[in-house]
Amino acid sequence: MAKPGIIALLAATFAVIASSAAVAASPAGSWEIISDADGKPRALIELSVVGGVLQGVLTKSLRGEDPNKLCVPCKGAQHNQRIIGMRVLWGLTPVSGDLSNWQGGQILDPDSGNVYSAKLSESADGKTITMRGFIGISLLGRTQIWHRVG
């Protein structure tokens, strides 16, 4: 019969392995946003999970835009704020604990100032994200593909 100390050690080892796998599956990290309009890189966004909720901050324009450009059409607290450094994705939670699929959040389009419902799914290899912004139901929206950086 196994000793209680060995069983506890094995249980702790499996818990660490399981939590490491969950962290590896998370979309946290830096992503290159590819424009759905022209298929070219648009910006970099840094995704992070805070308190189990996914959020994203724009970190760099890849189109040579002024890094101090303001979000003039934005409403509320984001009106006239710098776009670089702005939180543009927030409130997404994992679908049934699946860290590769997130829903229930919102995404801001700094070009128009509009806020849309958002959901995303990460590819099995962790190299791409499919981001869907929509109004009401997912059928009424736009999709972008993002590529992991680094």
Protein backbone atom coordinates (compact mmCIF):
# COMPACT_ATOMS: atom_id res chain seq x y z
CA MET A 1 0.00 0.00 0.00
CA ALA A 2 1.29 3.47 -0.90
CA LYS A 3 2.29 5.82 1.87
CA PRO A 4 0.18 8.99 2.38
CA GLY A 5 3.24 11.24 1.74
CA ILE A 6 3.86 9.67 -1.68
CA ILE A 7 0.17 10.01 -2.63
CA ALA A 8 0.21 13.68 -1.61
CA LEU A 9 3.40 14.28 -3.61
CA LEU A 10 1.91 12.63 -6.71
CA ALA A 11 -1.31 14.62 -6.35
CA ALA A 12 0.65 17.87 -6.05
CA THR A 13 2.75 16.97 -9.11
CA PHE A 14 -0.34 16.28 -11.21
CA ALA A 15 -1.93 19.55 -10.03
CA VAL A 16 1.16 21.52 -11.13
CA ILE A 17 1.19 19.75 -14.51
CA ALA A 18 -2.53 20.42 -15.02
CA SER A 19 -2.22 24.10 -14.07
CA SER A 20 0.82 24.51 -16.35
CA ALA A 21 -1.16 23.06 -19.25
CA ALA A 22 -4.02 25.48 -18.55
CA VAL A 23 -1.64 28.46 -18.49
CA ALA A 24 -0.03 27.34 -21.76
CA ALA A 25 -3.47 27.19 -23.41
CA SER A 26 -4.30 30.78 -22.42
CA PRO A 27 -4.27 33.44 -25.15
CA ALA A 28 -2.27 35.78 -22.89
CA GLY A 29 0.63 37.39 -24.75
CA SER A 30 1.38 39.66 -27.66
CA TRP A 31 -0.62 39.38 -30.89
CA GLU A 32 -0.41 41.02 -34.31
CA ILE A 33 -3.83 42.21 -35.47
CA ILE A 34 -4.43 41.53 -39.16
CA SER A 35 -6.93 43.87 -40.84
CA ASP A 36 -10.02 42.16 -42.20
CA ALA A 37 -10.25 44.98 -44.80
CA ASP A 38 -6.87 44.53 -46.52
CA GLY A 39 -5.24 41.48 -44.88
CA LYS A 40 -2.22 43.49 -43.72
CA PRO A 41 -0.82 43.84 -40.19
CA ARG A 42 -2.54 46.70 -38.35
CA ALA A 43 -1.35 46.82 -34.73
CA LEU A 44 -0.02 44.87 -31.77
CA ILE A 45 -2.26 44.00 -28.84
CA GLU A 46 -1.20 42.56 -25.49
CA LEU A 47 -3.73 40.13 -24.04
CA SER A 48 -3.78 39.30 -20.34
CA VAL A 49 -6.02 37.38 -18.00
CA VAL A 50 -6.89 39.32 -14.86
CA GLY A 51 -9.10 37.62 -12.29
CA GLY A 52 -10.17 35.02 -14.87
CA VAL A 53 -11.25 37.73 -17.36
CA LEU A 54 -9.45 38.38 -20.65
CA GLN A 55 -8.53 41.92 -21.63
CA GLY A 56 -6.36 43.53 -24.31
CA VAL A 57 -4.36 46.74 -24.62
CA LEU A 58 -3.09 48.19 -27.91
CA THR A 59 0.70 48.49 -27.68
CA LYS A 60 1.85 49.57 -31.15
CA SER A 61 0.61 50.67 -34.56
CA LEU A 62 2.14 48.75 -37.46
CA ARG A 63 1.00 51.31 -40.05
CA GLY A 64 3.31 54.18 -39.11
CA GLU A 65 0.51 56.12 -37.43
CA ASP A 66 1.30 58.81 -34.89
CA PRO A 67 1.90 57.01 -31.57
CA ASN A 68 0.15 59.91 -29.83
CA LYS A 69 -3.01 59.64 -31.97
CA LEU A 70 -6.14 60.24 -29.90
CA CYS A 71 -9.44 58.37 -29.99
CA VAL A 72 -11.54 61.38 -30.96
CA PRO A 73 -14.69 59.39 -31.88
CA CYS A 74 -14.58 57.36 -28.64
CA LYS A 75 -17.18 58.07 -25.99
CA GLY A 76 -16.94 58.30 -22.22
CA ALA A 77 -13.59 57.96 -20.45
CA GLN A 78 -11.86 56.89 -23.68
CA HIS A 79 -12.77 60.09 -25.57
CA ASN A 80 -9.58 61.93 -26.63
CA GLN A 81 -7.34 59.34 -24.94
CA ARG A 82 -4.20 57.98 -26.63
CA ILE A 83 -5.02 54.90 -28.67
CA ILE A 84 -1.64 53.29 -27.95
CA GLY A 85 -1.89 52.05 -24.37
CA MET A 86 -5.69 51.99 -24.49
CA ARG A 87 -7.67 48.98 -23.31
CA VAL A 88 -9.70 47.95 -26.36
CA LEU A 89 -10.81 44.45 -25.34
CA TRP A 90 -12.39 43.53 -22.01
CA GLY A 91 -14.78 41.26 -20.16
CA LEU A 92 -14.25 37.96 -22.00
CA THR A 93 -14.61 34.80 -19.96
CA PRO A 94 -13.75 31.22 -20.96
CA VAL A 95 -16.50 29.10 -22.47
CA SER A 96 -17.12 26.24 -20.00
CA GLY A 97 -13.58 26.58 -18.62
CA ASP A 98 -12.03 26.13 -22.10
CA LEU A 99 -9.12 28.60 -22.18
CA SER A 100 -8.99 28.53 -25.98
CA ASN A 101 -12.55 29.91 -26.39
CA TRP A 102 -13.70 33.17 -24.80
CA GLN A 103 -17.02 35.04 -24.98
CA GLY A 104 -19.18 37.70 -23.36
CA GLY A 105 -16.78 40.59 -23.71
CA GLN A 106 -16.54 43.79 -25.68
CA ILE A 107 -14.11 45.24 -28.20
CA LEU A 108 -13.57 48.87 -29.13
CA ASP A 109 -12.82 49.97 -32.69
CA PRO A 110 -10.68 53.09 -32.13
CA ASP A 111 -11.19 54.20 -35.75
CA SER A 112 -14.96 54.57 -35.30
CA GLY A 113 -15.28 54.74 -31.51
CA ASN A 114 -17.86 51.94 -31.66
CA VAL A 115 -17.96 49.15 -29.08
CA TYR A 116 -19.04 45.67 -30.16
CA SER A 117 -19.74 42.37 -28.44
CA ALA A 118 -16.71 40.08 -28.73
CA LYS A 119 -15.71 36.47 -28.72
CA LEU A 120 -12.49 34.77 -29.68
CA SER A 121 -11.02 31.35 -30.19
CA GLU A 122 -7.38 30.36 -30.19
CA SER A 123 -6.11 27.75 -32.64
CA ALA A 124 -5.01 24.38 -31.26
CA ASP A 125 -1.35 25.22 -31.96
CA GLY A 126 -1.65 28.60 -30.17
CA LYS A 127 -0.36 30.55 -33.17
CA THR A 128 -3.56 32.34 -34.24
CA ILE A 129 -6.69 33.82 -32.75
CA THR A 130 -9.99 34.27 -34.54
CA MET A 131 -11.55 37.45 -33.12
CA ARG A 132 -15.22 38.15 -33.83
CA GLY A 133 -16.77 41.55 -33.10
CA PHE A 134 -20.53 41.78 -33.57
CA ILE A 135 -23.77 43.58 -32.81
CA GLY A 136 -26.49 41.50 -31.17
CA ILE A 137 -25.84 38.08 -32.68
CA SER A 138 -22.52 36.77 -33.96
CA LEU A 139 -23.80 36.60 -37.55
CA LEU A 140 -23.83 40.41 -37.69
CA GLY A 141 -20.17 41.28 -37.40
CA ARG A 142 -16.59 41.12 -38.58
CA THR A 143 -13.81 38.62 -38.06
CA GLN A 144 -10.08 39.24 -37.78
CA ILE A 145 -7.25 36.75 -37.55
CA TRP A 146 -4.50 37.62 -35.08
CA HIS A 147 -1.01 36.05 -35.08
CA ARG A 148 1.02 35.38 -31.95
CA VAL A 149 4.21 37.43 -31.76
CA GLY A 150 7.33 35.72 -30.46
